[in-house]
Amino acid sequence: MEQVLPQTYEAELVEDILSLMASFSAKIYGKRAAENRRKNSHLRVVGGDSK
């Protein structure tokens, strides 16, 4: 079995901050993608594109 060493508080803080950044980035990119999908579907309806 592999022994796990305890992390320093700095390493734990860095890990926590990176996970928060990843979470917020995913939220922002998800909102942007949803907005783009909404805009594109509106353009298809208005423009008559059958894609």
Protein backbone atom coordinates (compact mmCIF):
# COMPACT_ATOMS: atom_id res chain seq x y z
CA MET A 1 0.00 0.00 0.00
CA GLU A 2 1.11 3.49 -0.77
CA GLN A 3 1.45 5.85 2.17
CA VAL A 4 -0.18 9.27 1.74
CA LEU A 5 1.69 12.16 3.31
CA PRO A 6 -0.30 15.03 4.79
CA GLN A 7 -0.40 18.16 2.66
CA THR A 8 0.90 21.46 3.89
CA TYR A 9 -1.72 24.13 4.33
CA GLU A 10 -0.25 26.00 1.33
CA ALA A 11 -0.65 22.98 -0.93
CA GLU A 12 -4.19 22.42 0.32
CA LEU A 13 -5.03 26.09 -0.26
CA VAL A 14 -3.67 25.93 -3.82
CA GLU A 15 -5.72 22.81 -4.50
CA ASP A 16 -8.87 24.48 -3.14
CA ILE A 17 -8.33 27.65 -5.19
CA LEU A 18 -7.75 25.64 -8.37
CA SER A 19 -10.94 23.68 -7.83
CA LEU A 20 -12.88 26.91 -7.28
CA MET A 21 -11.42 28.41 -10.46
CA ALA A 22 -12.37 25.29 -12.42
CA SER A 23 -15.89 25.40 -11.02
CA PHE A 24 -16.44 29.09 -11.83
CA SER A 25 -14.88 28.69 -15.29
CA ALA A 26 -17.23 25.83 -16.09
CA LYS A 27 -20.18 27.91 -14.93
CA ILE A 28 -19.15 30.89 -17.07
CA TYR A 29 -18.44 28.81 -20.18
CA GLY A 30 -21.68 26.89 -19.69
CA LYS A 31 -23.70 30.11 -19.55
CA ARG A 32 -21.92 31.44 -22.63
CA ALA A 33 -22.56 28.22 -24.55
CA ALA A 34 -26.24 28.21 -23.57
CA GLU A 35 -26.60 31.82 -24.68
CA ASN A 36 -24.91 31.04 -28.01
CA ARG A 37 -27.19 28.03 -28.55
CA ARG A 38 -30.20 30.24 -27.81
CA LYS A 39 -28.99 32.91 -30.25
CA ASN A 40 -28.22 30.36 -32.95
CA SER A 41 -31.61 28.68 -32.65
CA HIS A 42 -33.28 32.10 -32.88
CA LEU A 43 -31.25 32.93 -36.01
CA ARG A 44 -32.22 29.62 -37.60
CA VAL A 45 -35.91 30.31 -36.98
CA VAL A 46 -35.71 33.90 -38.22
CA GLY A 47 -33.34 33.16 -41.10
CA GLY A 48 -35.19 30.07 -42.28
CA ASP A 49 -32.11 27.86 -42.08
CA SER A 50 -33.16 24.22 -41.71
CA LYS A 51 -30.04 22.96 -39.88
